[in-house]
Amino acid sequence: VRLVESGGGLVQPGGSLRLSCAASGFTFSGYDMSWYRQAPGKERELVAVITSIGGSTNYADSVKGRFTISRDNAKNTVDLQMNSLKPEDTAVYYCYARRLYRYWGSGTQVTVSS
């Protein structure tokens, strides 16, 4: 099982980034997929989730209206489009799969700074 995140980097406040998570080794379409983040000195927190059936989405209040989660079951990928980024969005972002089993990616760093 592998979850590999990509797309992180350094961006100025107000900018955009698109994170992608490539999944392999399990039945991706049957799993709810999420993005979490962890800032230095803080607990890991849920950012966004997209369900396996129906593709319903839910977001943390802090990112509503700015972030969009999407999935492509044909490509086994889940993306996080992040717009209007703020310094407080700086964190390591993790991909997470949950159903019968739970899997984590190793994370990608996002830094929002001028």
Protein backbone atom coordinates (compact mmCIF):
# COMPACT_ATOMS: atom_id res chain seq x y z
CA VAL A 1 0.00 0.00 0.00
CA ARG A 2 1.32 3.43 -0.94
CA LEU A 3 0.02 6.96 -0.65
CA VAL A 4 2.41 9.46 -2.23
CA GLU A 5 1.75 13.18 -1.89
CA SER A 6 3.17 15.80 -4.23
CA GLY A 7 2.72 19.45 -5.10
CA GLY A 8 3.84 21.11 -1.90
CA GLY A 9 6.21 24.05 -1.81
CA LEU A 10 6.70 27.68 -0.94
CA VAL A 11 4.01 30.16 -1.98
CA GLN A 12 3.24 33.78 -1.13
CA PRO A 13 0.12 34.72 0.79
CA GLY A 14 -2.85 34.86 -1.55
CA GLY A 15 -1.32 32.31 -3.87
CA SER A 16 -2.44 28.84 -4.88
CA LEU A 17 -1.12 25.30 -4.78
CA ARG A 18 -2.53 22.00 -5.92
CA LEU A 19 -1.63 18.91 -3.92
CA SER A 20 -2.00 15.45 -5.36
CA CYS A 21 -1.99 12.03 -3.72
CA ALA A 22 -1.32 8.92 -5.79
CA ALA A 23 -2.64 5.70 -4.26
CA SER A 24 -1.71 2.11 -4.96
CA GLY A 25 -2.01 -1.32 -3.40
CA PHE A 26 -5.65 -1.14 -2.32
CA THR A 27 -9.11 -0.64 -3.81
CA PHE A 28 -9.00 3.14 -3.98
CA SER A 29 -12.60 3.62 -5.12
CA GLY A 30 -13.87 1.90 -1.99
CA TYR A 31 -12.13 4.23 0.43
CA ASP A 32 -13.05 7.61 1.82
CA MET A 33 -10.10 9.92 1.18
CA SER A 34 -8.99 12.86 3.28
CA TRP A 35 -6.33 15.51 3.59
CA TYR A 36 -4.97 16.31 7.01
CA ARG A 37 -2.34 18.82 8.03
CA GLN A 38 -0.01 19.34 10.93
CA ALA A 39 1.66 22.61 11.76
CA PRO A 40 4.72 22.80 14.03
CA GLY A 41 3.73 22.36 17.66
CA LYS A 42 0.12 21.58 16.79
CA GLU A 43 -1.98 18.44 16.49
CA ARG A 44 -2.81 16.93 13.15
CA GLU A 45 -6.15 18.25 11.92
CA LEU A 46 -8.64 17.26 9.26
CA VAL A 47 -8.69 19.63 6.29
CA ALA A 48 -11.08 17.98 3.83
CA VAL A 49 -12.72 14.63 3.13
CA ILE A 50 -14.36 13.09 0.07
CA THR A 51 -16.43 9.95 0.35
CA SER A 52 -16.01 6.81 -1.71
CA ILE A 53 -19.66 6.65 -2.71
CA GLY A 54 -21.20 9.75 -4.16
CA GLY A 55 -18.12 11.87 -3.68
CA SER A 56 -19.62 13.98 -0.92
CA THR A 57 -17.19 16.50 0.54
CA ASN A 58 -16.67 18.21 3.84
CA TYR A 59 -14.17 20.85 4.93
CA ALA A 60 -12.71 22.35 8.04
CA ASP A 61 -14.22 25.76 8.71
CA SER A 62 -10.80 27.36 8.33
CA VAL A 63 -10.53 26.33 4.67
CA LYS A 64 -14.15 26.46 3.46
CA GLY A 65 -14.47 28.49 0.30
CA ARG A 66 -10.71 28.37 -0.35
CA PHE A 67 -9.85 24.67 -0.69
CA THR A 68 -11.44 22.05 -2.93
CA ILE A 69 -10.95 18.29 -2.64
CA SER A 70 -11.53 16.03 -5.64
CA ARG A 71 -10.83 12.45 -6.63
CA ASP A 72 -10.30 10.47 -9.81
CA ASN A 73 -11.10 6.82 -9.23
CA ALA A 74 -9.80 5.89 -12.68
CA LYS A 75 -6.36 7.31 -11.85
CA ASN A 76 -6.41 6.46 -8.11
CA THR A 77 -5.68 10.05 -7.18
CA VAL A 78 -7.10 12.60 -4.77
CA ASP A 79 -6.25 16.27 -5.13
CA LEU A 80 -6.50 19.32 -2.94
CA GLN A 81 -6.76 22.67 -4.71
CA MET A 82 -5.74 25.40 -2.31
CA ASN A 83 -6.48 29.03 -3.16
CA SER A 84 -6.10 32.29 -1.25
CA LEU A 85 -3.46 30.71 0.91
CA LYS A 86 -2.64 32.26 4.27
CA PRO A 87 0.46 31.96 6.47
CA GLU A 88 -1.62 29.90 8.91
CA ASP A 89 -2.05 27.26 6.19
CA THR A 90 1.65 26.44 6.58
CA ALA A 91 1.91 22.78 7.57
CA VAL A 92 2.81 19.31 6.42
CA TYR A 93 -0.17 17.99 4.47
CA TYR A 94 -1.00 14.28 4.62
CA CYS A 95 -3.16 12.06 2.48
CA TYR A 96 -5.34 9.56 4.41
CA ALA A 97 -7.43 6.63 3.28
CA ARG A 98 -10.08 5.05 5.48
CA ARG A 99 -12.49 2.18 5.17
CA LEU A 100 -11.82 -1.30 6.44
CA TYR A 101 -8.18 -0.32 6.91
CA ARG A 102 -6.50 3.06 7.40
CA TYR A 103 -3.48 4.32 5.49
CA TRP A 104 -1.36 7.45 5.72
CA GLY A 105 1.00 9.09 3.28
CA SER A 106 4.32 10.54 4.37
CA GLY A 107 3.29 14.13 3.79
CA THR A 108 4.28 17.15 1.73
CA GLN A 109 5.38 20.50 3.12
CA VAL A 110 3.37 23.62 2.32
CA THR A 111 4.86 26.95 3.37
CA VAL A 112 2.97 30.20 2.91
CA SER A 113 5.27 33.14 3.41
CA SER A 114 6.32 36.38 1.79
